[in-house]
């Protein structure tokens, strides 16, 4: 991946939208446990050559950033 984009773009990672966060995690502030519980559902929605990022929270504070993506090859 080459950088971060606002919209899904080849070769870039994109933050999930609030709508997608709510759909997948039932919250706009997922925890690391939420991430691992839904990891395969998240990964299945990613197109080749693209990636996503999700800010993970601990005690309602941003704590980590999770990335998932698929290579071109």
Protein backbone atom coordinates (compact mmCIF):
# COMPACT_ATOMS: atom_id res chain seq x y z
CA UNK A 1 0.00 0.00 0.00
CA UNK A 2 1.22 3.45 -0.90
CA UNK A 3 -0.72 5.64 1.53
CA UNK A 4 -4.09 6.57 3.01
CA UNK A 5 -7.05 7.73 0.93
CA UNK A 6 -10.48 9.09 1.82
CA UNK A 7 -12.22 6.92 -0.80
CA UNK A 8 -11.35 3.39 -1.84
CA UNK A 9 -8.47 3.66 -4.27
CA UNK A 10 -6.17 1.00 -5.69
CA UNK A 11 -2.91 0.75 -3.77
CA UNK A 12 -4.22 2.73 -0.79
CA UNK A 13 -5.74 2.01 2.61
CA UNK A 14 -9.04 3.66 3.47
CA UNK A 15 -10.67 4.17 6.89
CA UNK A 16 -13.98 2.36 7.24
CA UNK A 17 -17.00 4.67 7.13
CA UNK A 18 -19.14 5.24 10.23
CA UNK A 19 -21.91 3.31 8.50
CA UNK A 20 -19.63 0.32 7.91
CA UNK A 21 -18.27 0.46 11.46
CA UNK A 22 -21.81 0.36 12.82
CA UNK A 23 -22.81 -2.45 10.48
CA UNK A 24 -19.80 -4.64 11.35
CA UNK A 25 -19.08 -3.78 14.96
CA UNK A 26 -22.36 -2.19 16.18
CA UNK A 27 -20.28 0.78 17.36
CA UNK A 28 -18.19 3.59 15.92
CA UNK A 29 -15.48 2.79 18.48
CA UNK A 30 -14.52 -0.87 18.10
CA UNK A 31 -12.08 -2.50 20.51
CA UNK A 32 -9.29 -4.88 19.59
CA UNK A 33 -11.54 -7.75 20.65
CA UNK A 34 -14.28 -6.47 18.30
CA UNK A 35 -11.69 -6.38 15.50
CA UNK A 36 -10.62 -9.99 15.98
CA UNK A 37 -14.23 -11.16 16.35
CA UNK A 38 -15.10 -9.64 12.94
CA UNK A 39 -11.73 -9.89 11.19
CA UNK A 40 -12.81 -12.37 8.50
CA UNK A 41 -16.00 -10.42 7.77
CA UNK A 42 -13.87 -7.29 7.34
CA UNK A 43 -11.28 -9.07 5.20
CA UNK A 44 -13.93 -10.63 2.94
CA UNK A 45 -15.15 -7.14 1.98
CA UNK A 46 -11.78 -5.92 0.70
CA UNK A 47 -11.01 -5.88 -3.01
CA UNK A 48 -7.61 -6.94 -4.39
CA UNK A 49 -5.03 -4.19 -4.34
CA UNK A 50 -6.84 -2.24 -1.62
CA UNK A 51 -6.77 -2.00 2.15
CA UNK A 52 -8.67 -0.65 5.11
CA UNK A 53 -7.76 0.77 8.48
CA UNK A 54 -9.75 0.84 11.70
CA UNK A 55 -8.94 2.87 14.81
CA UNK A 56 -9.31 0.58 17.83
CA UNK A 57 -10.32 1.91 21.23
CA UNK A 58 -9.57 1.08 24.85
CA UNK A 59 -11.68 2.78 27.51
CA UNK A 60 -13.26 4.99 24.82
CA UNK A 61 -9.83 6.37 23.82
CA UNK A 62 -8.02 5.64 20.53
CA UNK A 63 -5.34 3.04 21.28
CA UNK A 64 -4.30 1.21 18.10
CA UNK A 65 -4.79 1.17 14.36
CA UNK A 66 -5.60 -2.12 12.64
CA UNK A 67 -4.89 -2.67 8.96
CA UNK A 68 -6.14 -5.33 6.55
CA UNK A 69 -5.63 -5.56 2.82
CA UNK A 70 -5.14 -7.76 -0.21
CA UNK A 71 -2.18 -7.71 -2.56
CA UNK A 72 -2.53 -7.51 -6.32
CA UNK A 73 -0.91 -10.89 -6.86
